[in-house]
C-alpha atoms as a PDB file:
ATOM      1  CA  UNK A   1     147.554-270.562 135.923  1.00  0.00           C
ATOM      2  CA  UNK A   2     143.954-270.244 137.154  1.00  0.00           C
ATOM      3  CA  UNK A   3     141.373-271.261 134.564  1.00  0.00           C
ATOM      4  CA  UNK A   4     137.958-269.639 134.340  1.00  0.00           C
ATOM      5  CA  UNK A   5     136.382-272.838 135.683  1.00  0.00           C
ATOM      6  CA  UNK A   6     138.724-272.916 138.678  1.00  0.00           C
ATOM      7  CA  UNK A   7     138.081-269.231 139.394  1.00  0.00           C
ATOM      8  CA  UNK A   8     134.312-269.707 139.168  1.00  0.00           C
ATOM      9  CA  UNK A   9     134.357-272.722 141.498  1.00  0.00           C
ATOM     10  CA  UNK A  10     136.521-270.806 143.996  1.00  0.00           C
ATOM     11  CA  UNK A  11     133.996-267.962 144.126  1.00  0.00           C
ATOM     12  CA  UNK A  12     130.995-270.287 144.409  1.00  0.00           C
ATOM     13  CA  UNK A  13     132.615-272.454 147.080  1.00  0.00           C
ATOM     14  CA  UNK A  14     133.230-269.441 149.335  1.00  0.00           C
ATOM     15  CA  UNK A  15     129.585-268.335 149.152  1.00  0.00           C
ATOM     16  CA  UNK A  16     127.068-269.474 151.740  1.00  0.00           C
ATOM     17  CA  UNK A  17     123.904-268.385 149.936  1.00  0.00           C
ATOM     18  CA  UNK A  18     123.000-268.107 146.253  1.00  0.00           C
ATOM     19  CA  UNK A  19     120.109-266.336 144.533  1.00  0.00           C
ATOM     20  CA  UNK A  20     117.932-268.315 142.156  1.00  0.00           C
ATOM     21  CA  UNK A  21     116.086-266.075 139.691  1.00  0.00           C
ATOM     22  CA  UNK A  22     113.121-266.869 137.467  1.00  0.00           C
ATOM     23  CA  UNK A  23     110.475-264.872 135.634  1.00  0.00           C
ATOM     24  CA  UNK A  24     106.790-265.647 135.222  1.00  0.00           C
ATOM     25  CA  UNK A  25     104.734-265.497 132.043  1.00  0.00           C
ATOM     26  CA  UNK A  26     104.258-261.735 132.546  1.00  0.00           C
ATOM     27  CA  UNK A  27     108.053-261.275 132.853  1.00  0.00           C
ATOM     28  CA  UNK A  28     107.829-260.450 136.560  1.00  0.00           C
ATOM     29  CA  UNK A  29     111.046-261.484 138.297  1.00  0.00           C
ATOM     30  CA  UNK A  30     111.115-263.780 141.284  1.00  0.00           C
ATOM     31  CA  UNK A  31     114.257-264.187 143.394  1.00  0.00           C
ATOM     32  CA  UNK A  32     114.762-266.836 146.033  1.00  0.00           C
ATOM     33  CA  UNK A  33     117.725-267.181 148.346  1.00  0.00           C
ATOM     34  CA  UNK A  34     118.971-270.763 148.413  1.00  0.00           C
ATOM     35  CA  UNK A  35     121.620-272.655 150.301  1.00  0.00           C
ATOM     36  CA  UNK A  36     123.695-275.234 148.478  1.00  0.00           C
ATOM     37  CA  UNK A  37     126.406-277.823 148.912  1.00  0.00           C
ATOM     38  CA  UNK A  38     129.047-279.069 146.493  1.00  0.00           C
ATOM     39  CA  UNK A  39     129.680-282.789 145.986  1.00  0.00           C
ATOM     40  CA  UNK A  40     133.347-282.941 145.033  1.00  0.00           C
ATOM     41  CA  UNK A  41     133.210-286.685 144.238  1.00  0.00           C
ATOM     42  CA  UNK A  42     130.635-286.197 141.484  1.00  0.00           C
ATOM     43  CA  UNK A  43     131.274-282.521 140.596  1.00  0.00           C
ATOM     44  CA  UNK A  44     127.672-281.483 141.351  1.00  0.00           C
ATOM     45  CA  UNK A  45     126.036-278.658 143.286  1.00  0.00           C
ATOM     46  CA  UNK A  46     122.897-279.543 145.258  1.00  0.00           C
ATOM     47  CA  UNK A  47     120.219-277.052 146.293  1.00  0.00           C
ATOM     48  CA  UNK A  48     117.778-278.034 149.037  1.00  0.00           C
ATOM     49  CA  UNK A  49     114.119-277.446 148.274  1.00  0.00           C
ATOM     50  CA  UNK A  50     111.599-276.844 151.017  1.00  0.00           C
ATOM     51  CA  UNK A  51     108.798-274.477 152.010  1.00  0.00           C
ATOM     52  CA  UNK A  52     110.833-272.457 154.526  1.00  0.00           C
ATOM     53  CA  UNK A  53     111.409-268.775 153.882  1.00  0.00           C
ATOM     54  CA  UNK A  54     115.100-268.015 153.678  1.00  0.00           C
END
């Protein structure tokens, strides 16, 4: 049986790019494409942060 957590990880691990969304104080949305990697040993996702436009 596939649990929700397993299903979610399967979807995320097949993606190459994610979208990070925030809003400012005026409720204007801001979306940024980010690349990420999963650390299976520690069960963490890491997102690189830099000034490059994706």
